[in-house]
C-alpha atoms as a PDB file:
ATOM      1  CA  MET A   1      -0.189  -0.251  -0.074  1.00  0.00           C
ATOM      2  CA  ARG A   2       2.904   2.259   1.069  1.00  0.00           C
ATOM      3  CA  GLN A   3       4.819   1.762  -2.499  1.00  0.00           C
ATOM      4  CA  THR A   4       1.205   2.508  -4.421  1.00  0.00           C
ATOM      5  CA  LEU A   5       0.875   5.452  -2.810  1.00  0.00           C
ATOM      6  CA  ARG A   6       4.392   6.762  -3.167  1.00  0.00           C
ATOM      7  CA  ALA A   7       4.199   5.705  -6.798  1.00  0.00           C
ATOM      8  CA  CYS A   8       0.902   7.991  -7.092  1.00  0.00           C
ATOM      9  CA  ALA A   9       2.638  10.864  -5.176  1.00  0.00           C
ATOM     10  CA  CYS A  10       5.445  10.847  -7.695  1.00  0.00           C
ATOM     11  CA  TRP A  11       3.157  10.789 -10.581  1.00  0.00           C
ATOM     12  CA  MET A  12       0.922  13.973  -9.102  1.00  0.00           C
ATOM     13  CA  PHE A  13       4.086  15.535  -8.857  1.00  0.00           C
ATOM     14  CA  ALA A  14       5.055  15.242 -12.008  1.00  0.00           C
ATOM     15  CA  VAL A  15       1.727  16.672 -13.125  1.00  0.00           C
ATOM     16  CA  SER A  16       2.043  19.511 -10.757  1.00  0.00           C
ATOM     17  CA  LEU A  17       5.408  20.086 -11.889  1.00  0.00           C
ATOM     18  CA  LEU A  18       4.737  20.161 -15.594  1.00  0.00           C
ATOM     19  CA  LEU A  19       1.643  22.592 -15.014  1.00  0.00           C
ATOM     20  CA  THR A  20       3.606  25.049 -12.922  1.00  0.00           C
ATOM     21  CA  THR A  21       6.633  25.417 -15.288  1.00  0.00           C
ATOM     22  CA  ALA A  22       5.337  24.808 -18.812  1.00  0.00           C
ATOM     23  CA  GLU A  23       2.074  26.806 -18.674  1.00  0.00           C
ATOM     24  CA  GLY A  24       0.039  23.822 -20.140  1.00  0.00           C
ATOM     25  CA  CYS A  25       1.317  21.172 -22.807  1.00  0.00           C
ATOM     26  CA  GLN A  26       1.434  23.591 -25.641  1.00  0.00           C
ATOM     27  CA  ASN A  27       4.408  25.278 -23.935  1.00  0.00           C
ATOM     28  CA  LEU A  28       6.329  21.827 -23.187  1.00  0.00           C
ATOM     29  CA  ARG A  29       8.999  22.177 -26.098  1.00  0.00           C
ATOM     30  CA  HIS A  30      10.316  25.724 -24.445  1.00  0.00           C
ATOM     31  CA  GLN A  31      11.477  24.083 -21.486  1.00  0.00           C
ATOM     32  CA  PRO A  32      15.182  23.116 -20.420  1.00  0.00           C
ATOM     33  CA  THR A  33      16.003  19.430 -21.327  1.00  0.00           C
ATOM     34  CA  ASP A  34      16.673  18.933 -17.408  1.00  0.00           C
ATOM     35  CA  ILE A  35      13.316  19.796 -16.647  1.00  0.00           C
ATOM     36  CA  PHE A  36      12.378  16.853 -19.058  1.00  0.00           C
ATOM     37  CA  SER A  37      14.808  14.649 -17.492  1.00  0.00           C
ATOM     38  CA  GLN A  38      13.101  15.249 -14.174  1.00  0.00           C
ATOM     39  CA  TYR A  39       9.597  14.485 -15.337  1.00  0.00           C
ATOM     40  CA  THR A  40      11.005  11.219 -16.765  1.00  0.00           C
ATOM     41  CA  LEU A  41      12.540  10.324 -13.537  1.00  0.00           C
ATOM     42  CA  LEU A  42       9.485  10.622 -11.694  1.00  0.00           C
ATOM     43  CA  TYR A  43       7.469   8.594 -14.329  1.00  0.00           C
ATOM     44  CA  ARG A  44       9.724   5.896 -13.557  1.00  0.00           C
ATOM     45  CA  ARG A  45       9.435   6.110  -9.999  1.00  0.00           C
ATOM     46  CA  ALA A  46       6.126   5.932 -10.531  1.00  0.00           C
ATOM     47  CA  CYS A  47       5.973   3.176 -13.057  1.00  0.00           C
ATOM     48  CA  ASP A  48       8.215   1.441 -10.777  1.00  0.00           C
ATOM     49  CA  GLY A  49       5.853   1.617  -7.797  1.00  0.00           C
ATOM     50  CA  GLY A  50       2.825   0.159  -9.976  1.00  0.00           C
ATOM     51  CA  ASP A  51       1.253   3.228 -11.311  1.00  0.00           C
ATOM     52  CA  ALA A  52       0.261   2.330 -15.016  1.00  0.00           C
ATOM     53  CA  ASN A  53      -0.316   5.961 -16.018  1.00  0.00           C
ATOM     54  CA  GLY A  54       3.411   6.888 -15.131  1.00  0.00           C
ATOM     55  CA  CYS A  55       4.451   3.744 -17.165  1.00  0.00           C
ATOM     56  CA  TYR A  56       2.305   5.324 -20.045  1.00  0.00           C
ATOM     57  CA  LEU A  57       4.205   8.652 -19.679  1.00  0.00           C
ATOM     58  CA  LEU A  58       7.410   7.145 -19.526  1.00  0.00           C
ATOM     59  CA  ALA A  59       6.737   5.315 -22.622  1.00  0.00           C
ATOM     60  CA  ILE A  60       6.043   8.365 -24.327  1.00  0.00           C
ATOM     61  CA  SER A  61       9.220  10.011 -23.068  1.00  0.00           C
ATOM     62  CA  TYR A  62      11.004   7.118 -24.772  1.00  0.00           C
ATOM     63  CA  ASN A  63       9.004   7.241 -28.021  1.00  0.00           C
ATOM     64  CA  ASP A  64       9.396  11.069 -28.297  1.00  0.00           C
ATOM     65  CA  GLY A  65      13.056  11.334 -27.114  1.00  0.00           C
ATOM     66  CA  VAL A  66      12.179  13.661 -24.468  1.00  0.00           C
ATOM     67  CA  GLY A  67      13.967  13.704 -21.087  1.00  0.00           C
ATOM     68  CA  VAL A  68      15.510  10.225 -22.279  1.00  0.00           C
ATOM     69  CA  PRO A  69      17.362   9.023 -25.339  1.00  0.00           C
ATOM     70  CA  ARG A  70      14.664   7.954 -28.394  1.00  0.00           C
ATOM     71  CA  ASP A  71      14.328   4.039 -27.784  1.00  0.00           C
ATOM     72  CA  TYR A  72      11.349   2.626 -29.576  1.00  0.00           C
ATOM     73  CA  ALA A  73      11.828  -0.826 -27.870  1.00  0.00           C
ATOM     74  CA  GLN A  74      11.757   0.908 -24.463  1.00  0.00           C
ATOM     75  CA  ALA A  75       8.658   2.760 -25.583  1.00  0.00           C
ATOM     76  CA  PHE A  76       7.056  -0.499 -26.514  1.00  0.00           C
ATOM     77  CA  PHE A  77       8.033  -2.183 -23.389  1.00  0.00           C
ATOM     78  CA  PHE A  78       6.517   0.578 -21.026  1.00  0.00           C
ATOM     79  CA  THR A  79       3.450   0.967 -23.620  1.00  0.00           C
ATOM     80  CA  GLN A  80       2.839  -2.784 -22.947  1.00  0.00           C
ATOM     81  CA  LYS A  81       3.470  -2.538 -18.886  1.00  0.00           C
ATOM     82  CA  ALA A  82       0.986   0.440 -19.103  1.00  0.00           C
ATOM     83  CA  CYS A  83      -1.516  -1.686 -21.038  1.00  0.00           C
ATOM     84  CA  ASP A  84      -1.117  -4.739 -18.648  1.00  0.00           C
ATOM     85  CA  GLY A  85      -1.980  -2.047 -16.102  1.00  0.00           C
ATOM     86  CA  GLY A  86      -5.291  -0.934 -17.760  1.00  0.00           C
ATOM     87  CA  VAL A  87      -4.637   2.104 -19.545  1.00  0.00           C
ATOM     88  CA  SER A  88      -6.758   1.665 -22.674  1.00  0.00           C
ATOM     89  CA  LYS A  89      -4.904   4.133 -24.951  1.00  0.00           C
ATOM     90  CA  ALA A  90      -2.017   2.358 -24.099  1.00  0.00           C
ATOM     91  CA  CYS A  91      -3.278  -1.074 -25.670  1.00  0.00           C
ATOM     92  CA  THR A  92      -4.625   1.236 -28.459  1.00  0.00           C
ATOM     93  CA  ASN A  93      -0.994   2.230 -29.245  1.00  0.00           C
ATOM     94  CA  ILE A  94       0.502  -1.166 -29.024  1.00  0.00           C
ATOM     95  CA  GLY A  95      -2.043  -2.117 -31.694  1.00  0.00           C
ATOM     96  CA  TRP A  96      -0.865   0.645 -33.531  1.00  0.00           C
ATOM     97  CA  SER A  97       2.810  -0.474 -33.531  1.00  0.00           C
ATOM     98  CA  TYR A  98       1.885  -3.859 -34.250  1.00  0.00           C
ATOM     99  CA  LEU A  99       0.193  -2.763 -37.553  1.00  0.00           C
ATOM    100  CA  ASN A 100       3.032  -0.243 -38.668  1.00  0.00           C
ATOM    101  CA  GLY A 101       5.782  -2.275 -37.458  1.00  0.00           C
ATOM    102  CA  HIS A 102       7.125   0.599 -35.012  1.00  0.00           C
ATOM    103  CA  GLY A 103       9.110  -1.011 -32.510  1.00  0.00           C
ATOM    104  CA  VAL A 104       8.520  -4.348 -33.206  1.00  0.00           C
ATOM    105  CA  PRO A 105       7.764  -6.485 -35.996  1.00  0.00           C
ATOM    106  CA  GLN A 106       4.638  -6.027 -38.158  1.00  0.00           C
ATOM    107  CA  ASP A 107       1.818  -8.317 -36.994  1.00  0.00           C
ATOM    108  CA  TYR A 108      -1.571  -7.575 -38.320  1.00  0.00           C
ATOM    109  CA  THR A 109      -3.352 -10.202 -36.059  1.00  0.00           C
ATOM    110  CA  GLN A 110      -1.504  -8.751 -32.639  1.00  0.00           C
ATOM    111  CA  ALA A 111      -2.732  -5.584 -34.142  1.00  0.00           C
ATOM    112  CA  VAL A 112      -6.409  -6.588 -34.043  1.00  0.00           C
ATOM    113  CA  VAL A 113      -5.675  -7.832 -30.623  1.00  0.00           C
ATOM    114  CA  PHE A 114      -4.358  -4.528 -28.978  1.00  0.00           C
ATOM    115  CA  TYR A 115      -6.991  -2.536 -30.865  1.00  0.00           C
ATOM    116  CA  ARG A 116      -9.858  -4.850 -29.294  1.00  0.00           C
ATOM    117  CA  LYS A 117      -8.250  -4.205 -25.813  1.00  0.00           C
ATOM    118  CA  GLY A 118      -8.161  -0.554 -26.362  1.00  0.00           C
ATOM    119  CA  CYS A 119     -11.597  -0.477 -27.518  1.00  0.00           C
ATOM    120  CA  ASP A 120     -12.703  -2.828 -24.438  1.00  0.00           C
ATOM    121  CA  GLY A 121     -11.313  -0.323 -22.105  1.00  0.00           C
ATOM    122  CA  LYS A 122     -13.638   2.662 -24.140  1.00  0.00           C
ATOM    123  CA  ASP A 123     -10.623   4.337 -25.815  1.00  0.00           C
ATOM    124  CA  PRO A 124     -12.252   5.692 -28.831  1.00  0.00           C
ATOM    125  CA  ILE A 125      -9.408   5.526 -30.930  1.00  0.00           C
ATOM    126  CA  GLY A 126      -9.090   1.766 -30.392  1.00  0.00           C
ATOM    127  CA  CYS A 127     -12.498   1.316 -31.649  1.00  0.00           C
ATOM    128  CA  VAL A 128     -11.962   3.313 -34.990  1.00  0.00           C
ATOM    129  CA  GLY A 129      -8.818   1.575 -35.248  1.00  0.00           C
ATOM    130  CA  LEU A 130     -10.428  -1.903 -34.893  1.00  0.00           C
ATOM    131  CA  GLY A 131     -13.214  -0.682 -37.303  1.00  0.00           C
ATOM    132  CA  MET A 132     -11.027   0.088 -40.057  1.00  0.00           C
ATOM    133  CA  LEU A 133      -9.125  -3.313 -39.898  1.00  0.00           C
ATOM    134  CA  TYR A 134     -12.654  -4.741 -40.120  1.00  0.00           C
ATOM    135  CA  LEU A 135     -13.202  -2.917 -42.992  1.00  0.00           C
ATOM    136  CA  ALA A 136      -9.901  -3.659 -44.682  1.00  0.00           C
ATOM    137  CA  GLY A 137     -10.097  -7.218 -43.783  1.00  0.00           C
ATOM    138  CA  THR A 138      -6.563  -6.640 -42.120  1.00  0.00           C
ATOM    139  CA  GLY A 139      -5.506  -9.232 -39.519  1.00  0.00           C
ATOM    140  CA  ILE A 140      -9.300 -10.246 -39.339  1.00  0.00           C
ATOM    141  CA  SER A 141     -11.984 -11.589 -41.647  1.00  0.00           C
ATOM    142  CA  ALA A 142     -13.510  -8.374 -43.298  1.00  0.00           C
ATOM    143  CA  ASP A 143     -16.933  -7.398 -42.012  1.00  0.00           C
ATOM    144  CA  VAL A 144     -18.127  -4.060 -42.905  1.00  0.00           C
ATOM    145  CA  THR A 145     -21.267  -4.201 -40.788  1.00  0.00           C
ATOM    146  CA  GLN A 146     -19.237  -4.692 -37.708  1.00  0.00           C
ATOM    147  CA  GLY A 147     -16.203  -2.301 -38.720  1.00  0.00           C
ATOM    148  CA  VAL A 148     -18.898   0.657 -39.578  1.00  0.00           C
ATOM    149  CA  ALA A 149     -20.764  -0.169 -36.021  1.00  0.00           C
ATOM    150  CA  LEU A 150     -17.524  -0.105 -34.236  1.00  0.00           C
ATOM    151  CA  ILE A 151     -16.764   3.716 -35.992  1.00  0.00           C
ATOM    152  CA  ARG A 152     -20.173   4.687 -35.731  1.00  0.00           C
ATOM    153  CA  GLN A 153     -20.866   4.202 -31.934  1.00  0.00           C
ATOM    154  CA  VAL A 154     -17.726   6.600 -31.222  1.00  0.00           C
ATOM    155  CA  CYS A 155     -19.549   9.279 -33.584  1.00  0.00           C
ATOM    156  CA  ASP A 156     -22.667   8.622 -31.727  1.00  0.00           C
ATOM    157  CA  ASP A 157     -21.300   9.047 -28.304  1.00  0.00           C
ATOM    158  CA  GLY A 158     -20.318  12.978 -29.722  1.00  0.00           C
ATOM    159  CA  ASN A 159     -17.076  12.342 -31.406  1.00  0.00           C
ATOM    160  CA  GLY A 160     -17.617  14.895 -34.172  1.00  0.00           C
ATOM    161  CA  ASP A 161     -14.301  14.189 -35.517  1.00  0.00           C
ATOM    162  CA  VAL A 162     -15.096  10.687 -35.935  1.00  0.00           C
ATOM    163  CA  CYS A 163     -18.456  11.590 -37.791  1.00  0.00           C
ATOM    164  CA  TYR A 164     -16.438  13.491 -40.092  1.00  0.00           C
ATOM    165  CA  PHE A 165     -14.228  10.922 -40.557  1.00  0.00           C
ATOM    166  CA  LEU A 166     -16.821   8.141 -41.587  1.00  0.00           C
ATOM    167  CA  ALA A 167     -18.937  10.683 -43.695  1.00  0.00           C
ATOM    168  CA  GLY A 168     -15.822  10.672 -45.881  1.00  0.00           C
ATOM    169  CA  LEU A 169     -15.371   7.166 -46.086  1.00  0.00           C
ATOM    170  CA  TYR A 170     -18.993   7.327 -47.425  1.00  0.00           C
ATOM    171  CA  VAL A 171     -18.025   9.846 -49.887  1.00  0.00           C
ATOM    172  CA  LYS A 172     -15.201   8.170 -51.041  1.00  0.00           C
ATOM    173  CA  GLY A 173     -16.756   4.865 -51.540  1.00  0.00           C
ATOM    174  CA  THR A 174     -13.598   3.078 -51.352  1.00  0.00           C
ATOM    175  CA  ALA A 175     -13.697   1.297 -47.756  1.00  0.00           C
ATOM    176  CA  LEU A 176     -17.539   1.548 -47.931  1.00  0.00           C
ATOM    177  CA  PRO A 177     -20.080   1.657 -50.754  1.00  0.00           C
ATOM    178  CA  GLN A 178     -20.590   5.059 -51.672  1.00  0.00           C
ATOM    179  CA  ASP A 179     -23.452   7.031 -50.031  1.00  0.00           C
ATOM    180  CA  TYR A 180     -23.955  10.386 -50.278  1.00  0.00           C
ATOM    181  CA  ALA A 181     -27.022  10.303 -47.936  1.00  0.00           C
ATOM    182  CA  GLN A 182     -25.447   8.623 -45.135  1.00  0.00           C
ATOM    183  CA  ALA A 183     -22.629  10.949 -45.597  1.00  0.00           C
ATOM    184  CA  ALA A 184     -24.669  14.092 -45.415  1.00  0.00           C
ATOM    185  CA  ALA A 185     -26.613  12.826 -42.400  1.00  0.00           C
ATOM    186  CA  LEU A 186     -22.829  12.219 -40.832  1.00  0.00           C
ATOM    187  CA  TYR A 187     -21.586  15.580 -42.004  1.00  0.00           C
ATOM    188  CA  ARG A 188     -24.715  17.123 -40.202  1.00  0.00           C
ATOM    189  CA  LYS A 189     -24.153  15.399 -36.983  1.00  0.00           C
ATOM    190  CA  SER A 190     -20.212  16.422 -36.899  1.00  0.00           C
ATOM    191  CA  CYS A 191     -21.528  20.226 -37.828  1.00  0.00           C
ATOM    192  CA  ASP A 192     -23.802  20.208 -35.193  1.00  0.00           C
ATOM    193  CA  LEU A 193     -20.870  18.978 -32.804  1.00  0.00           C
ATOM    194  CA  GLY A 194     -18.568  21.888 -33.774  1.00  0.00           C
ATOM    195  CA  GLN A 195     -16.818  20.195 -36.597  1.00  0.00           C
ATOM    196  CA  LYS A 196     -16.573  23.466 -38.942  1.00  0.00           C
ATOM    197  CA  ALA A 197     -15.050  21.200 -42.012  1.00  0.00           C
ATOM    198  CA  ALA A 198     -18.060  19.090 -41.707  1.00  0.00           C
ATOM    199  CA  CYS A 199     -20.367  22.103 -42.181  1.00  0.00           C
ATOM    200  CA  ASP A 200     -18.237  23.084 -45.287  1.00  0.00           C
ATOM    201  CA  ALA A 201     -18.435  19.394 -46.726  1.00  0.00           C
ATOM    202  CA  LEU A 202     -22.084  19.195 -46.216  1.00  0.00           C
ATOM    203  CA  GLU A 203     -22.530  22.908 -48.164  1.00  0.00           C
ATOM    204  CA  SER A 204     -20.506  21.296 -50.919  1.00  0.00           C
ATOM    205  CA  LEU A 205     -22.754  18.366 -51.355  1.00  0.00           C
ATOM    206  CA  LYS A 206     -25.733  20.322 -51.646  1.00  0.00           C
ATOM    207  CA  THR A 207     -23.857  22.631 -54.176  1.00  0.00           C
ATOM    208  CA  GLU A 208     -22.831  19.551 -56.542  1.00  0.00           C
ATOM    209  CA  GLY A 209     -26.277  18.339 -56.236  1.00  0.00           C
ATOM    210  CA  LYS A 210     -25.359  15.162 -54.623  1.00  0.00           C
ATOM    211  CA  ILE A 211     -27.886  15.448 -51.898  1.00  0.00           C
END
């Protein structure tokens, strides 16, 4: 219990240090290198103490070469540890790594396994990634219905970017049969959720006489 509390304290201190010295994430790159090294040390202590979020942040540090030398193998190792600890977005990242051969040999079957883990953990990117694998039949038997359902659920949960993305698939007619009516409905939904590009795309469909 004491070890867990120590890990939590390290992770929270790292976050507080980040917020007080960087004025938000957008200014991180302006910080001195030794500041990043401090973050990384704290992430490692948190991870060693059993905090999966600390492992995830440490993985990002290794992947980006921030505070430590860039090392994709180490990034993968700590991402795996974070996934095992219940960080769903880490599982999704492992799926992406297997899909693209990033830090590990390319393996489409494993990509499916980990995108599914991410999706089961409610990570929207995991669900979209798994949906795309179903549409393409990559690492799994092609299933358009299942693929659309996975992506559509993220859209229905209020993600305007994903609604816009799915609409684009219907417009292009490559991964999905071309369907301007479906595209229009999704662009409208995305527009209502604040995605300006979707509003513009909807107007274009009207102007071109496609709906």
